[in-house]
Amino acid sequence: MNSEKDYWLDDPRNVNKIVYTLYAVCALLVLGDLLYHKHVHFDFEHWFGFAGFFGFVACVALVLAARLLRVVLKREEDYYDQ
C-alpha cells in the first residue's frame, strides 16, 4: 500500500491537460492580435504576433541577465559570518 498521498498533479494526464490548455490560451491570444487596431510608433510593431514575440524575447533576456548577475553578485555561504 502506498503511504504517500496522491495529489492532482501527480497524474501525468492532468499535467498534459494543463499544458494543452496553456497552448490553446497562447494561440487564442496571438490570434486576438488580428481583432484590434494598433496605434504604433514603429512599422515593425504592425507585424502579426509582435507583442508576443517581443515579450518572449524580453523574458529570455531577463533570465540570461539574471544568470550573469548571479555570477557577479554571488557570495560564499558564510560571507556575513566572517
C-alpha atoms as a PDB file:
ATOM      1  CA  MET A   1       0.000   0.000   0.000  1.00  0.00           C
ATOM      2  CA  ASN A   2       1.274   3.436  -0.898  1.00  0.00           C
ATOM      3  CA  SER A   3       1.566   5.555   2.259  1.00  0.00           C
ATOM      4  CA  GLU A   4       2.057   8.804   0.333  1.00  0.00           C
ATOM      5  CA  LYS A   5      -0.965  10.886  -0.590  1.00  0.00           C
ATOM      6  CA  ASP A   6      -1.652  11.179  -4.310  1.00  0.00           C
ATOM      7  CA  TYR A   7      -2.046  14.742  -5.488  1.00  0.00           C
ATOM      8  CA  TRP A   8      -3.911  16.039  -8.534  1.00  0.00           C
ATOM      9  CA  LEU A   9      -0.713  16.916 -10.424  1.00  0.00           C
ATOM     10  CA  ASP A  10       0.860  13.516  -9.788  1.00  0.00           C
ATOM     11  CA  ASP A  11      -1.210  12.143 -12.659  1.00  0.00           C
ATOM     12  CA  PRO A  12       0.565  12.870 -15.991  1.00  0.00           C
ATOM     13  CA  ARG A  13      -2.810  13.192 -17.755  1.00  0.00           C
ATOM     14  CA  ASN A  14      -3.672  16.187 -15.588  1.00  0.00           C
ATOM     15  CA  VAL A  15      -0.312  17.807 -16.312  1.00  0.00           C
ATOM     16  CA  ASN A  16      -0.916  17.289 -20.033  1.00  0.00           C
ATOM     17  CA  LYS A  17      -4.349  18.919 -19.693  1.00  0.00           C
ATOM     18  CA  ILE A  18      -2.740  21.997 -18.156  1.00  0.00           C
ATOM     19  CA  VAL A  19      -0.031  22.186 -20.819  1.00  0.00           C
ATOM     20  CA  TYR A  20      -2.502  21.853 -23.699  1.00  0.00           C
ATOM     21  CA  THR A  21      -4.796  24.422 -22.108  1.00  0.00           C
ATOM     22  CA  LEU A  22      -1.879  26.867 -21.878  1.00  0.00           C
ATOM     23  CA  TYR A  23      -1.049  26.199 -25.546  1.00  0.00           C
ATOM     24  CA  ALA A  24      -4.658  26.935 -26.510  1.00  0.00           C
ATOM     25  CA  VAL A  25      -4.758  30.151 -24.454  1.00  0.00           C
ATOM     26  CA  CYS A  26      -1.488  31.355 -26.008  1.00  0.00           C
ATOM     27  CA  ALA A  27      -2.774  30.583 -29.513  1.00  0.00           C
ATOM     28  CA  LEU A  28      -6.016  32.457 -28.836  1.00  0.00           C
ATOM     29  CA  LEU A  29      -4.117  35.451 -27.503  1.00  0.00           C
ATOM     30  CA  VAL A  30      -1.894  35.569 -30.580  1.00  0.00           C
ATOM     31  CA  LEU A  31      -4.945  35.250 -32.843  1.00  0.00           C
ATOM     32  CA  GLY A  32      -6.537  38.084 -30.874  1.00  0.00           C
ATOM     33  CA  ASP A  33      -3.835  40.258 -32.370  1.00  0.00           C
ATOM     34  CA  LEU A  34      -5.946  40.337 -35.546  1.00  0.00           C
ATOM     35  CA  LEU A  35      -9.017  41.755 -33.824  1.00  0.00           C
ATOM     36  CA  TYR A  36      -7.961  45.245 -32.859  1.00  0.00           C
ATOM     37  CA  HIS A  37      -6.394  48.307 -34.440  1.00  0.00           C
ATOM     38  CA  LYS A  38      -2.895  49.071 -33.205  1.00  0.00           C
ATOM     39  CA  HIS A  39      -1.654  52.605 -32.649  1.00  0.00           C
ATOM     40  CA  VAL A  40       2.046  52.052 -33.214  1.00  0.00           C
ATOM     41  CA  HIS A  41       5.136  54.208 -33.312  1.00  0.00           C
ATOM     42  CA  PHE A  42       7.317  51.968 -35.490  1.00  0.00           C
ATOM     43  CA  ASP A  43       6.473  49.952 -38.599  1.00  0.00           C
ATOM     44  CA  PHE A  44       7.662  46.632 -37.177  1.00  0.00           C
ATOM     45  CA  GLU A  45       5.022  46.870 -34.448  1.00  0.00           C
ATOM     46  CA  HIS A  46       2.421  46.092 -37.142  1.00  0.00           C
ATOM     47  CA  TRP A  47       3.850  42.584 -37.582  1.00  0.00           C
ATOM     48  CA  PHE A  48       1.484  39.791 -36.626  1.00  0.00           C
ATOM     49  CA  GLY A  49       2.301  38.459 -33.161  1.00  0.00           C
ATOM     50  CA  PHE A  50       4.946  41.081 -32.494  1.00  0.00           C
ATOM     51  CA  ALA A  51       3.864  41.703 -28.885  1.00  0.00           C
ATOM     52  CA  GLY A  52       4.008  38.013 -28.007  1.00  0.00           C
ATOM     53  CA  PHE A  53       7.348  37.531 -29.714  1.00  0.00           C
ATOM     54  CA  PHE A  54       8.775  40.642 -28.079  1.00  0.00           C
ATOM     55  CA  GLY A  55       7.513  39.516 -24.662  1.00  0.00           C
ATOM     56  CA  PHE A  56       9.106  36.088 -25.099  1.00  0.00           C
ATOM     57  CA  VAL A  57      12.459  37.554 -26.172  1.00  0.00           C
ATOM     58  CA  ALA A  58      12.365  40.044 -23.279  1.00  0.00           C
ATOM     59  CA  CYS A  59      11.645  37.245 -20.790  1.00  0.00           C
ATOM     60  CA  VAL A  60      14.547  35.156 -22.107  1.00  0.00           C
ATOM     61  CA  ALA A  61      16.811  38.217 -21.952  1.00  0.00           C
ATOM     62  CA  LEU A  62      15.835  38.813 -18.312  1.00  0.00           C
ATOM     63  CA  VAL A  63      16.635  35.218 -17.392  1.00  0.00           C
ATOM     64  CA  LEU A  64      20.020  35.398 -19.111  1.00  0.00           C
ATOM     65  CA  ALA A  65      20.791  38.735 -17.440  1.00  0.00           C
ATOM     66  CA  ALA A  66      19.878  37.245 -14.064  1.00  0.00           C
ATOM     67  CA  ARG A  67      22.275  34.361 -14.681  1.00  0.00           C
ATOM     68  CA  LEU A  68      25.063  36.839 -15.420  1.00  0.00           C
ATOM     69  CA  LEU A  69      24.212  38.912 -12.343  1.00  0.00           C
ATOM     70  CA  ARG A  70      24.342  35.771 -10.225  1.00  0.00           C
ATOM     71  CA  VAL A  71      27.982  35.293 -11.180  1.00  0.00           C
ATOM     72  CA  VAL A  72      28.792  38.900 -10.268  1.00  0.00           C
ATOM     73  CA  LEU A  73      26.802  39.108  -7.025  1.00  0.00           C
ATOM     74  CA  LYS A  74      27.297  35.589  -5.684  1.00  0.00           C
ATOM     75  CA  ARG A  75      28.969  35.358  -2.261  1.00  0.00           C
ATOM     76  CA  GLU A  76      30.153  32.485  -0.127  1.00  0.00           C
ATOM     77  CA  GLU A  77      27.557  30.918   2.151  1.00  0.00           C
ATOM     78  CA  ASP A  78      29.256  32.244   5.284  1.00  0.00           C
ATOM     79  CA  TYR A  79      30.057  35.690   3.811  1.00  0.00           C
ATOM     80  CA  TYR A  80      28.233  37.647   6.538  1.00  0.00           C
ATOM     81  CA  ASP A  81      29.539  35.430   9.350  1.00  0.00           C
ATOM     82  CA  GLN A  82      33.143  36.478   8.738  1.00  0.00           C
END
